[in-house]
Amino acid sequence: MSLPIKIAIVQHNPIVGDVSGNCTQIIEAYEQATDAGVGLIITPELALLGYPPRDLLHRQRVRDAEQTALETLRHLTEQGPPLIVGHTASADRTSGPPLTNSATVFVDGEATVQYNKRLLPTYDIFDEHRYFSRGTESQTTHIDDTTVGITICEDAWYDHEVTGQQRHQTDPIAPYETADVDLLVNLSASPYRVNKSSARFDRFGRHARRIDAPVVFANQVGGNDDILFDGTSFILDSDGSQIASATSGEPRVLIGQPKNNSTSGTTPSETAQLRRMLELGIRDYLDKSGFDDVIIGLSGGIDSSVTAALAAEAIGPSNVHGITLPSAITTENNRTDAERVAQNLGIQFDEIGIEHLSQSLLDAINGVTPGDDTRGITRENVQARVRGLLLMGVSNDLDALVLTPDNKSEAAVGYCTLYGDAVGAIAPLGDCTKRRVYALAEDFNTDIPTWADSTPIPHSVIGKAPTAELAEGQTDVDDIPPYEITDAVVSQYVGDKYPLTQIVEETNATKEQVKTVVENITQSEFKRKQTPPALRVTTKAFDSGWRYPIAASYNEIFTDN
């Protein structure tokens, strides 16, 4: 069965809570689709509120604004094509949460069908049972001679396993096998993660073949706090082949029509896609927070260099201010590399020495602590915290946000200083292991921005041994296992939740290395609770989906002895 009618997907970039602005985006897309002669227009999930609205759902004013916007959209269809729009609605029950996550079909100025989401994700970053009551019935609507089945996001992932267990017993796709539908639509707010696009195409292709009908996946795009949405909306034929797909990371109106040849953008590499999404996250975080500029502490190392490159590409080099903050320990090579990165990227650059400030603070600390000198760790942390203080001070003066350069590997094992290098508004690389950071650097040097030098990230930065440079001759491997080991253990323990024995078997790590990394992960929980949000790009980030206690006693053990 081929696509029965010409369809438009509104892949928009909502600001959570800005119901009026989001409605305007939908209206503009509706008018564009109408001019193109489409027969049905579909928005993403909760398109008027934006996803995730979280506790804004408790605010009656927000829900009232949504109802007003729905009326506006209903009137549009009096003279235009039918519209399926995602929104909240009042639950028709006396107990349980007062709302439903819904989709309403507007045809000829009338609300003909309301479908309520049947499967509510309540795991990891999702908490929909807190706000919504689940729907209990499938729904179809008729657009001329076309029978359309409706689902919302999680409904299509009914057999998805989380921590090795299937989360749902209900299969919302099953009723459409016997309902003789001509089209199945799925309104989504499906977050990005590395390689998720292929998983979506596979899943929805199976649904299309199962019901023998084309499938529409309408997804939100943009960054909302730490959660990234790639869009990548698509339309599949009944055999699972692609009719049309939208470019990831960009708002657009995607149009698919009967017997249309497949239309889609080129598929970027995993790292290129990651780079694009991190830049989207930076750009949207600033835009939606009302800021234009960022500040980055440039150390001459790989993390701050890649963070600066991402920011420069996201918001323009003139809006990025790099500051190097050398101490007496800082090598001339690192200071020079920091300046070279700024020059290659065309960003603003300044230098503030910290030695005198650090020494003044150490003298003050010595005045109230026993002994003749401060501990080594105190000396190291004071340097980092002086840097954090200065960056935040410049941030206040320039009305700019500080970007935190820390990566996931460092966050996992606590290899960062609270109120020091960990200060900032958001951590673009906070869900990227060290190896991914290096891959991003290489991608910048291969796919070079038009405004940048021929090698945005100097080879001297990529080739040097990572160091916090808080003590003479210090390198990261003095304190933690090599990053190829640390990254592998972090990925398997945090993301895959593998037992320790299996991690040893599947990596080149020794038992002692695995034990060291895992103990550091456990002991560093208090740090992660106080660090900036990280842009989420994997299945398990250190965000609202990571809910481990701080004051607890828990140790992993090897099960083979």
Protein backbone atom coordinates (compact mmCIF):
# COMPACT_ATOMS: atom_id res chain seq x y z
CA MET A 1 0.00 0.00 0.00
CA SER A 2 1.42 3.40 -0.96
CA LEU A 3 0.90 6.72 0.77
CA PRO A 4 -2.79 7.57 0.22
CA ILE A 5 -2.67 11.37 0.59
CA LYS A 6 -0.17 14.20 0.50
CA ILE A 7 1.11 14.76 4.05
CA ALA A 8 3.05 17.50 5.84
CA ILE A 9 4.98 17.07 9.09
CA VAL A 10 5.60 20.16 11.21
CA GLN A 11 9.10 19.54 12.60
CA HIS A 12 9.26 22.65 14.78
CA ASN A 13 11.59 23.84 17.56
CA PRO A 14 9.37 24.83 20.50
CA ILE A 15 10.33 26.82 23.56
CA VAL A 16 8.88 24.96 26.54
CA GLY A 17 6.01 26.98 28.00
CA ASP A 18 5.88 29.56 25.19
CA VAL A 19 2.46 28.44 24.00
CA SER A 20 1.81 31.56 21.93
CA GLY A 21 5.19 31.41 20.19
CA ASN A 22 4.89 27.69 19.55
CA CYS A 23 1.40 28.17 18.15
CA THR A 24 2.76 30.83 15.79
CA GLN A 25 5.37 28.35 14.53
CA ILE A 26 2.63 25.81 13.84
CA ILE A 27 0.45 28.38 12.06
CA GLU A 28 3.33 29.42 9.80
CA ALA A 29 4.09 25.79 8.98
CA TYR A 30 0.38 25.09 8.41
CA GLU A 31 0.15 27.94 5.92
CA GLN A 32 3.26 26.72 4.09
CA ALA A 33 1.84 23.20 3.89
CA THR A 34 -1.54 24.48 2.76
CA ASP A 35 0.10 26.39 -0.09
CA ALA A 36 1.78 23.12 -1.09
CA GLY A 37 -1.62 21.45 -1.42
CA VAL A 38 -1.30 18.83 1.31
CA GLY A 39 -4.25 16.80 2.54
CA LEU A 40 -3.17 16.30 6.17
CA ILE A 41 -0.81 18.15 8.53
CA ILE A 42 0.73 16.54 11.63
CA THR A 43 2.62 18.11 14.55
CA PRO A 44 4.88 16.47 17.15
CA GLU A 45 3.83 15.42 20.66
CA LEU A 46 2.80 18.25 23.04
CA ALA A 47 3.53 20.65 20.19
CA LEU A 48 1.98 23.69 21.86
CA LEU A 49 3.70 23.30 25.22
CA GLY A 50 7.00 21.85 24.05
CA TYR A 51 8.56 18.75 25.59
CA PRO A 52 9.27 18.17 28.41
CA PRO A 53 7.02 20.71 30.19
CA ARG A 54 7.68 19.10 33.59
CA ASP A 55 5.98 20.93 36.48
CA LEU A 56 4.72 23.71 34.22
CA LEU A 57 1.85 21.27 33.80
CA HIS A 58 0.77 22.16 37.33
CA ARG A 59 0.23 25.80 36.28
CA GLN A 60 -3.36 26.47 35.26
CA ARG A 61 -2.36 29.56 33.30
CA VAL A 62 -0.19 27.46 30.99
CA ARG A 63 -3.00 24.99 30.38
CA ASP A 64 -5.45 27.83 29.74
CA ALA A 65 -3.08 29.28 27.15
CA GLU A 66 -2.89 25.90 25.48
CA GLN A 67 -6.68 25.70 25.20
CA THR A 68 -6.78 29.16 23.64
CA ALA A 69 -4.15 28.10 21.11
CA LEU A 70 -6.09 24.94 20.28
CA GLU A 71 -9.10 27.08 19.41
CA THR A 72 -6.93 29.15 17.09
CA LEU A 73 -5.71 26.01 15.33
CA ARG A 74 -9.23 24.60 15.10
CA HIS A 75 -10.38 27.72 13.25
CA LEU A 76 -7.52 27.33 10.77
CA THR A 77 -9.03 24.09 9.50
CA GLU A 78 -12.33 25.78 8.61
CA GLN A 79 -10.76 26.80 5.32
CA GLY A 80 -7.68 24.57 5.29
CA PRO A 81 -6.65 20.92 5.42
CA PRO A 82 -7.12 18.67 8.48
CA LEU A 83 -4.62 18.98 11.32
CA ILE A 84 -3.51 16.49 13.99
CA VAL A 85 -1.95 18.38 16.90
CA GLY A 86 -0.31 17.19 20.13
CA HIS A 87 -1.45 18.81 23.40
CA THR A 88 -2.62 18.11 26.95
CA ALA A 89 -6.25 17.52 27.88
CA SER A 90 -8.26 17.01 31.05
CA ALA A 91 -8.48 13.38 32.09
CA ASP A 92 -11.98 11.94 32.25
CA ARG A 93 -11.60 10.23 35.63
CA THR A 94 -11.97 10.90 39.34
CA SER A 95 -8.60 9.49 40.44
CA GLY A 96 -5.08 9.64 39.13
CA PRO A 97 -3.29 12.53 37.42
CA PRO A 98 -5.66 15.15 36.03
CA LEU A 99 -4.25 15.33 32.48
CA THR A 100 -3.76 13.21 29.40
CA ASN A 101 -1.06 13.46 26.75
CA SER A 102 -3.29 13.75 23.72
CA ALA A 103 -3.64 14.31 19.99
CA THR A 104 -6.73 15.95 18.52
CA VAL A 105 -7.84 15.80 14.90
CA PHE A 106 -9.33 19.01 13.52
CA VAL A 107 -11.34 18.67 10.30
CA ASP A 108 -13.41 21.48 8.76
CA GLY A 109 -13.23 23.49 11.97
CA GLU A 110 -14.38 20.61 14.18
CA ALA A 111 -12.54 18.42 16.69
CA THR A 112 -13.45 14.99 15.35
CA VAL A 113 -11.22 12.65 17.40
CA GLN A 114 -9.09 12.89 20.54
CA TYR A 115 -6.53 10.16 21.13
CA ASN A 116 -4.91 9.79 24.56
CA LYS A 117 -1.41 8.34 24.81
CA ARG A 118 -1.64 4.79 26.09
CA LEU A 119 1.93 4.08 27.21
CA LEU A 120 3.47 6.63 29.56
CA PRO A 121 7.26 6.37 29.91
CA THR A 122 8.37 6.57 33.52
CA TYR A 123 12.04 5.66 33.47
CA ASP A 124 15.33 7.42 32.97
CA ILE A 125 14.57 11.09 32.07
CA PHE A 126 10.86 10.42 31.58
CA ASP A 127 8.33 10.89 34.36
CA GLU A 128 4.96 10.98 32.61
CA HIS A 129 3.04 9.07 35.29
CA ARG A 130 3.67 12.09 37.51
CA TYR A 131 1.48 14.22 35.26
CA PHE A 132 -0.70 12.10 32.98
CA SER A 133 -3.33 9.39 33.12
CA ARG A 134 -2.95 6.86 30.35
CA GLY A 135 -5.38 6.35 27.53
CA THR A 136 -7.14 3.01 27.18
CA GLU A 137 -8.36 2.87 23.58
CA SER A 138 -6.98 3.06 20.07
CA GLN A 139 -8.43 5.72 17.79
CA THR A 140 -8.85 6.11 14.06
CA THR A 141 -9.99 9.11 12.08
CA HIS A 142 -11.18 9.47 8.51
CA ILE A 143 -9.62 12.04 6.21
CA ASP A 144 -11.74 11.86 3.06
CA ASP A 145 -11.41 8.18 2.10
CA THR A 146 -8.29 7.58 4.20
CA THR A 147 -8.47 5.78 7.55
CA VAL A 148 -5.74 7.06 9.87
CA GLY A 149 -4.59 5.36 13.07
CA ILE A 150 -3.03 7.51 15.80
CA THR A 151 -0.23 6.83 18.30
CA ILE A 152 2.00 9.03 20.44
CA CYS A 153 5.74 8.40 20.91
CA GLU A 154 6.10 5.61 23.53
CA ASP A 155 3.09 3.78 22.05
CA ALA A 156 5.39 2.68 19.23
CA TRP A 157 8.07 1.44 21.66
CA TYR A 158 5.84 -0.96 23.62
CA ASP A 159 8.40 -3.78 23.56
CA HIS A 160 11.37 -1.55 24.34
CA GLU A 161 13.53 -2.97 27.12
CA VAL A 162 14.88 -0.77 29.91
CA THR A 163 17.54 -2.26 32.22
CA GLY A 164 16.84 -5.64 30.64
CA GLN A 165 13.10 -5.64 31.30
CA GLN A 166 10.17 -4.97 28.99
CA ARG A 167 8.38 -1.95 30.45
CA HIS A 168 4.91 -2.37 28.98
CA GLN A 169 2.36 -5.16 28.65
CA THR A 170 0.04 -3.30 26.26
CA ASP A 171 0.67 -3.24 22.50
CA PRO A 172 -0.97 -0.07 21.09
CA ILE A 173 -0.05 -1.04 17.52
CA ALA A 174 -1.99 -4.33 17.60
CA PRO A 175 -5.50 -2.86 17.11
CA TYR A 176 -4.41 -1.27 13.84
CA GLU A 177 -3.53 -4.67 12.35
CA THR A 178 -7.25 -5.46 12.13
CA ALA A 179 -8.61 -1.92 11.75
CA ASP A 180 -7.76 -1.78 8.04
CA VAL A 181 -5.97 1.55 8.42
CA ASP A 182 -4.51 3.28 5.38
CA LEU A 183 -2.00 5.27 7.42
CA LEU A 184 -0.49 5.19 10.92
CA VAL A 185 0.82 8.42 12.47
CA ASN A 186 3.05 8.81 15.51
CA LEU A 187 3.38 12.21 17.19
CA SER A 188 6.71 12.22 19.03
CA ALA A 189 9.09 14.12 21.25
CA SER A 190 11.83 11.54 20.89
CA PRO A 191 15.22 12.64 22.28
CA TYR A 192 18.45 12.30 20.35
CA ARG A 193 21.19 9.87 21.19
CA VAL A 194 24.07 8.62 19.11
CA ASN A 195 22.83 6.15 16.45
CA LYS A 196 19.15 6.49 17.42
CA SER A 197 18.00 7.36 13.89
CA SER A 198 18.74 3.88 12.59
CA ALA A 199 16.88 2.35 15.54
CA ARG A 200 13.82 4.46 14.73
CA PHE A 201 13.83 3.56 11.03
CA ASP A 202 14.10 -0.13 11.92
CA ARG A 203 11.29 0.02 14.47
CA PHE A 204 8.81 2.01 12.39
CA GLY A 205 9.66 -0.04 9.32
CA ARG A 206 8.53 -3.13 11.24
CA HIS A 207 5.31 -1.36 12.21
CA ALA A 208 4.63 -0.42 8.58
CA ARG A 209 5.10 -3.99 7.38
CA ARG A 210 3.07 -5.34 10.27
CA ILE A 211 -0.04 -3.25 9.53
CA ASP A 212 0.63 -3.11 5.77
CA ALA A 213 0.28 0.66 5.70
CA PRO A 214 2.53 3.73 5.49
CA VAL A 215 3.78 5.21 8.76
CA VAL A 216 4.42 8.84 9.70
CA PHE A 217 6.90 9.78 12.46
CA ALA A 218 6.56 13.47 13.42
CA ASN A 219 9.28 14.54 15.83
CA GLN A 220 10.22 17.71 17.70
CA VAL A 221 13.60 19.35 17.07
CA GLY A 222 15.83 21.52 19.27
CA GLY A 223 17.50 21.65 22.64
CA ASN A 224 15.42 22.00 25.79
CA ASP A 225 17.74 22.36 28.77
CA ASP A 226 20.03 19.32 28.61
CA ILE A 227 17.78 17.22 26.37
CA LEU A 228 18.39 17.32 22.62
CA PHE A 229 15.77 16.50 19.99
CA ASP A 230 17.07 15.78 16.51
CA GLY A 231 13.79 15.81 14.64
CA THR A 232 14.68 13.48 11.75
CA SER A 233 10.96 13.08 11.06
CA PHE A 234 10.08 10.66 8.27
CA ILE A 235 7.39 8.95 6.22
CA LEU A 236 7.75 5.26 5.39
CA ASP A 237 5.84 3.23 2.83
CA SER A 238 4.01 0.06 3.80
CA ASP A 239 7.07 -2.04 3.00
CA GLY A 240 9.21 0.09 5.35
CA SER A 241 11.00 1.93 2.56
CA GLN A 242 11.54 5.64 2.97
CA ILE A 243 9.23 8.08 1.21
CA ALA A 244 10.63 11.23 2.81
CA SER A 245 12.76 12.25 5.78
CA ALA A 246 13.70 15.58 7.32
CA THR A 247 17.20 16.84 7.95
CA SER A 248 18.18 16.35 11.56
CA GLY A 249 18.68 19.31 13.85
CA GLU A 250 16.66 21.79 11.78
CA PRO A 251 13.04 22.98 11.86
CA ARG A 252 11.25 22.29 8.61
CA VAL A 253 7.99 21.28 7.00
CA LEU A 254 8.45 17.80 5.54
CA ILE A 255 6.08 16.91 2.72
CA GLY A 256 5.44 13.42 1.41
CA GLN A 257 3.03 12.49 -1.33
CA PRO A 258 1.64 9.36 -3.01
CA LYS A 259 4.07 7.53 -5.32
CA ASN A 260 6.76 10.04 -4.46
CA ASN A 261 10.38 9.08 -4.91
CA SER A 262 12.32 8.90 -1.68
CA THR A 263 13.50 12.33 -0.57
CA SER A 264 15.93 12.82 2.25
CA GLY A 265 19.07 14.65 3.19
CA THR A 266 22.44 12.97 3.25
CA THR A 267 23.18 10.97 6.37
CA PRO A 268 26.12 12.47 8.26
CA SER A 269 28.65 10.33 10.09
CA GLU A 270 28.07 9.53 13.76
CA THR A 271 30.59 12.16 14.86
CA ALA A 272 29.36 14.79 12.40
CA GLN A 273 25.80 14.26 13.63
CA LEU A 274 26.99 14.48 17.24
CA ARG A 275 28.79 17.74 16.46
CA ARG A 276 25.66 19.18 14.85
CA MET A 277 23.49 18.23 17.82
CA LEU A 278 25.90 19.62 20.43
CA GLU A 279 25.97 22.90 18.53
CA LEU A 280 22.17 22.91 18.42
CA GLY A 281 22.11 22.33 22.18
CA ILE A 282 24.46 25.25 22.84
CA ARG A 283 22.59 27.57 20.49
CA ASP A 284 19.14 26.73 21.85
CA TYR A 285 20.25 26.88 25.48
CA LEU A 286 21.41 30.45 24.91
CA ASP A 287 18.50 31.52 22.70
CA LYS A 288 15.85 30.10 25.00
CA SER A 289 17.56 31.55 28.09
CA GLY A 290 17.95 35.01 26.58
CA PHE A 291 21.76 35.11 26.23
CA ASP A 292 23.97 35.87 23.24
CA ASP A 293 27.55 35.26 24.40
CA VAL A 294 29.63 32.62 26.14
CA ILE A 295 32.89 32.51 28.07
CA ILE A 296 35.26 29.55 28.05
CA GLY A 297 38.37 29.03 30.13
CA LEU A 298 41.02 27.96 27.61
CA SER A 299 43.70 25.72 29.10
CA GLY A 300 45.38 24.65 25.89
CA GLY A 301 43.88 21.19 26.38
CA ILE A 302 41.54 19.15 24.21
CA ASP A 303 38.30 19.65 26.17
CA SER A 304 38.30 23.44 26.31
CA SER A 305 39.50 23.64 22.69
CA VAL A 306 36.65 21.47 21.38
CA THR A 307 34.13 23.30 23.58
CA ALA A 308 35.31 26.59 22.08
CA ALA A 309 35.06 25.20 18.54
CA LEU A 310 31.51 23.95 19.14
CA ALA A 311 30.48 27.31 20.59
CA ALA A 312 32.06 29.28 17.75
CA GLU A 313 30.22 27.21 15.16
CA ALA A 314 26.96 27.32 17.12
CA ILE A 315 26.69 31.06 17.80
CA GLY A 316 29.50 32.65 15.78
CA PRO A 317 33.11 33.39 16.77
CA SER A 318 32.37 36.99 17.74
CA ASN A 319 30.09 35.74 20.51
CA VAL A 320 32.72 33.50 22.11
CA HIS A 321 35.25 34.85 24.63
CA GLY A 322 38.19 32.62 25.49
CA ILE A 323 40.20 33.36 28.61
CA THR A 324 43.39 31.59 29.64
CA LEU A 325 44.24 31.70 33.34
CA PRO A 326 47.85 30.58 33.82
CA SER A 327 49.53 29.91 37.14
CA ALA A 328 53.21 29.45 37.91
CA ILE A 329 52.73 25.78 37.01
CA THR A 330 51.27 26.43 33.56
CA THR A 331 53.73 25.56 30.81
CA GLU A 332 54.46 27.97 28.00
CA ASN A 333 53.30 25.32 25.52
CA ASN A 334 49.84 25.20 27.10
CA ARG A 335 49.56 28.97 27.26
CA THR A 336 50.62 29.24 23.62
CA ASP A 337 48.19 26.49 22.55
CA ALA A 338 45.31 28.29 24.27
CA GLU A 339 46.08 31.45 22.32
CA ARG A 340 46.54 29.53 19.08
CA VAL A 341 43.11 27.87 19.47
CA ALA A 342 41.51 31.29 19.93
CA GLN A 343 43.30 32.63 16.86
CA ASN A 344 42.37 29.63 14.72
CA LEU A 345 38.72 29.93 15.72
CA GLY A 346 38.63 33.71 15.44
CA ILE A 347 37.24 34.14 18.95
CA GLN A 348 38.06 36.85 21.48
CA PHE A 349 41.02 36.05 23.71
CA ASP A 350 42.34 37.38 27.02
CA GLU A 351 44.76 36.27 29.70
CA ILE A 352 44.42 36.63 33.48
CA GLY A 353 47.24 35.37 35.67
CA ILE A 354 46.12 33.64 38.87
CA GLU A 355 49.35 33.11 40.82
CA HIS A 356 49.02 36.11 43.14
CA LEU A 357 45.35 35.42 43.86
CA SER A 358 46.02 31.74 44.54
CA GLN A 359 48.87 32.54 46.91
CA SER A 360 46.78 35.10 48.81
CA LEU A 361 44.07 32.51 49.37
CA LEU A 362 46.59 29.88 50.44
CA ASP A 363 48.09 32.33 52.92
CA ALA A 364 44.63 32.97 54.36
CA ILE A 365 43.95 29.23 54.64
CA ASN A 366 47.29 28.67 56.34
CA GLY A 367 46.25 31.18 58.97
CA VAL A 368 43.45 28.96 60.26
CA THR A 369 44.78 25.43 59.62
CA PRO A 370 47.46 23.49 61.53
CA GLY A 371 50.94 23.02 60.12
CA ASP A 372 53.23 25.26 58.16
CA ASP A 373 51.81 24.58 54.72
CA THR A 374 48.59 23.58 53.00
CA ARG A 375 47.97 20.09 51.69
CA GLY A 376 48.77 19.41 48.04
CA ILE A 377 45.13 18.81 47.13
CA THR A 378 44.19 22.13 48.72
CA ARG A 379 46.80 23.93 46.63
CA GLU A 380 45.48 22.27 43.47
CA ASN A 381 41.83 23.00 44.20
CA VAL A 382 42.50 26.63 45.12
CA GLN A 383 43.99 27.18 41.66
CA ALA A 384 40.94 25.68 39.97
CA ARG A 385 38.54 27.65 42.16
CA VAL A 386 40.33 30.94 41.52
CA ARG A 387 39.85 30.25 37.81
CA GLY A 388 36.17 29.49 38.36
CA LEU A 389 35.73 32.67 40.40
CA LEU A 390 37.34 34.82 37.70
CA LEU A 391 35.33 33.23 34.89
CA MET A 392 32.09 33.81 36.78
CA GLY A 393 33.11 37.39 37.54
CA VAL A 394 33.74 38.11 33.87
CA SER A 395 30.45 36.35 33.11
CA ASN A 396 28.61 38.76 35.40
CA ASP A 397 30.30 41.79 33.87
CA LEU A 398 29.74 40.78 30.25
CA ASP A 399 26.29 39.22 30.72
CA ALA A 400 27.57 35.99 29.19
CA LEU A 401 27.26 32.33 30.16
CA VAL A 402 30.25 30.20 31.11
CA LEU A 403 30.48 26.89 29.25
CA THR A 404 31.93 24.03 31.28
CA PRO A 405 34.52 22.00 29.33
CA ASP A 406 34.41 18.85 31.50
CA ASN A 407 33.69 15.54 29.74
CA LYS A 408 31.75 12.46 30.83
CA SER A 409 34.82 10.45 31.80
CA GLU A 410 35.95 13.19 34.19
CA ALA A 411 32.44 13.64 35.59
CA ALA A 412 32.15 9.90 36.16
CA VAL A 413 35.31 9.52 38.22
CA GLY A 414 35.15 12.96 39.83
CA TYR A 415 38.25 14.23 38.07
CA CYS A 416 37.15 17.84 38.36
CA THR A 417 37.05 20.53 41.03
CA LEU A 418 33.73 21.68 42.44
CA TYR A 419 33.36 25.45 42.02
CA GLY A 420 36.51 25.35 39.88
CA ASP A 421 36.67 23.92 36.37
CA ALA A 422 33.15 22.59 36.99
CA VAL A 423 31.54 26.05 37.14
CA GLY A 424 29.26 27.14 34.35
CA ALA A 425 25.76 27.12 32.90
CA ILE A 426 25.94 23.96 30.82
CA ALA A 427 28.50 21.30 29.90
CA PRO A 428 28.36 20.63 26.14
CA LEU A 429 30.76 17.67 26.41
CA GLY A 430 29.41 16.36 29.71
CA ASP A 431 27.95 13.21 28.13
CA CYS A 432 30.91 12.60 25.78
CA THR A 433 33.72 10.29 26.83
CA LYS A 434 37.29 11.46 26.27
CA ARG A 435 37.55 9.38 23.09
CA ARG A 436 34.48 11.12 21.69
CA VAL A 437 36.05 14.49 22.44
CA TYR A 438 39.11 13.51 20.40
CA ALA A 439 36.84 12.30 17.59
CA LEU A 440 35.10 15.69 17.56
CA ALA A 441 38.47 17.45 17.36
CA GLU A 442 39.46 15.35 14.36
CA ASP A 443 36.08 16.06 12.74
CA PHE A 444 36.66 19.81 13.08
CA ASN A 445 40.05 19.44 11.42
CA THR A 446 38.53 17.38 8.60
CA ASP A 447 35.29 19.27 8.03
CA ILE A 448 36.62 22.76 8.70
CA PRO A 449 34.21 25.67 9.23
CA THR A 450 34.58 28.31 6.51
CA TRP A 451 35.54 30.97 9.04
CA ALA A 452 38.21 28.92 10.82
CA ASP A 453 41.89 28.27 10.25
CA SER A 454 42.92 25.20 8.26
CA THR A 455 43.42 23.32 11.54
CA PRO A 456 40.95 24.70 14.11
CA ILE A 457 42.30 22.34 16.79
CA PRO A 458 46.13 22.42 16.66
CA HIS A 459 47.85 19.05 16.41
CA SER A 460 49.87 20.03 19.46
CA VAL A 461 46.61 20.08 21.45
CA ILE A 462 45.47 16.70 20.14
CA GLY A 463 48.85 15.07 20.66
CA LYS A 464 49.65 16.18 24.20
CA ALA A 465 49.06 14.11 27.34
CA PRO A 466 45.87 15.26 29.12
CA THR A 467 46.57 17.16 32.33
CA ALA A 468 44.70 19.24 34.87
CA GLU A 469 48.04 21.05 35.30
CA LEU A 470 47.49 21.83 38.97
CA ALA A 471 50.87 20.42 40.02
CA GLU A 472 54.31 20.22 38.44
CA GLY A 473 54.55 17.49 35.80
CA GLN A 474 51.02 16.26 36.50
CA THR A 475 49.11 14.18 33.95
CA ASP A 476 45.67 12.61 34.21
CA VAL A 477 47.03 9.05 34.22
CA ASP A 478 48.76 9.82 37.52
CA ASP A 479 45.31 9.73 39.14
CA ILE A 480 43.05 7.63 36.92
CA PRO A 481 43.58 4.74 34.46
CA PRO A 482 44.36 5.66 30.83
CA TYR A 483 41.32 7.08 29.06
CA GLU A 484 40.93 4.12 26.72
CA ILE A 485 40.36 2.07 29.88
CA THR A 486 38.40 4.68 31.84
CA ASP A 487 36.10 5.38 28.87
CA ALA A 488 35.36 1.71 28.31
CA VAL A 489 34.61 1.05 31.97
CA VAL A 490 32.43 4.16 32.28
CA SER A 491 30.45 3.26 29.15
CA GLN A 492 29.83 -0.31 30.26
CA TYR A 493 29.18 0.37 33.93
CA VAL A 494 27.10 3.56 33.57
CA GLY A 495 25.42 2.95 30.22
CA ASP A 496 25.14 -0.83 29.96
CA LYS A 497 25.14 -1.59 33.70
CA TYR A 498 27.41 -4.57 33.17
CA PRO A 499 28.68 -6.44 36.24
CA LEU A 500 32.35 -5.92 37.00
CA THR A 501 33.48 -9.37 35.88
CA GLN A 502 31.88 -8.87 32.47
CA ILE A 503 33.54 -5.45 32.12
CA VAL A 504 36.94 -7.05 32.68
CA GLU A 505 36.13 -9.72 30.10
CA GLU A 506 35.03 -7.23 27.44
CA THR A 507 37.72 -4.57 27.90
CA ASN A 508 41.46 -4.54 28.28
CA ALA A 509 41.08 -3.37 31.87
CA THR A 510 42.50 -5.20 34.85
CA LYS A 511 40.37 -5.96 37.89
CA GLU A 512 42.18 -3.24 39.80
CA GLN A 513 41.51 -0.65 37.09
CA VAL A 514 37.82 -1.53 36.94
CA LYS A 515 37.59 -1.41 40.73
CA THR A 516 39.29 2.02 40.79
CA VAL A 517 36.98 3.54 38.18
CA VAL A 518 33.79 2.13 39.72
CA GLU A 519 34.77 3.22 43.24
CA ASN A 520 35.45 6.72 41.92
CA ILE A 521 32.06 6.78 40.21
CA THR A 522 30.35 5.89 43.48
CA GLN A 523 32.35 8.32 45.59
CA SER A 524 31.86 11.25 43.19
CA GLU A 525 28.07 11.37 43.34
CA PHE A 526 28.15 14.50 45.52
CA LYS A 527 30.13 16.32 42.84
CA ARG A 528 27.78 15.42 40.01
CA LYS A 529 24.79 16.72 41.94
CA GLN A 530 26.40 20.18 41.98
CA THR A 531 27.73 20.46 38.44
CA PRO A 532 26.04 22.03 35.40
CA PRO A 533 23.66 20.00 33.25
CA ALA A 534 25.33 18.09 30.43
CA LEU A 535 23.93 17.90 26.91
CA ARG A 536 22.55 14.37 26.71
CA VAL A 537 23.79 12.26 23.77
CA THR A 538 23.84 8.68 25.11
CA THR A 539 21.38 6.21 26.59
CA LYS A 540 22.49 7.05 30.13
CA ALA A 541 23.79 10.47 31.10
CA PHE A 542 24.45 11.99 34.50
CA ASP A 543 21.13 13.84 34.47
CA SER A 544 17.62 13.48 35.88
CA GLY A 545 17.68 9.85 34.75
CA TRP A 546 20.67 9.10 37.01
CA ARG A 547 19.23 8.94 40.52
CA TYR A 548 21.80 7.55 42.91
CA PRO A 549 22.01 8.58 46.57
CA ILE A 550 24.87 10.68 47.90
CA ALA A 551 25.06 9.70 51.57
CA ALA A 552 24.96 5.96 51.03
CA SER A 553 27.07 2.86 51.47
CA TYR A 554 27.26 0.80 48.30
CA ASN A 555 30.16 -1.03 46.71
CA GLU A 556 30.26 -3.19 43.60
CA ILE A 557 32.11 -6.48 43.99
CA PHE A 558 33.49 -9.07 41.61
CA THR A 559 31.25 -12.13 41.53
CA ASP A 560 33.96 -14.65 40.67
CA ASN A 561 35.77 -14.55 44.02
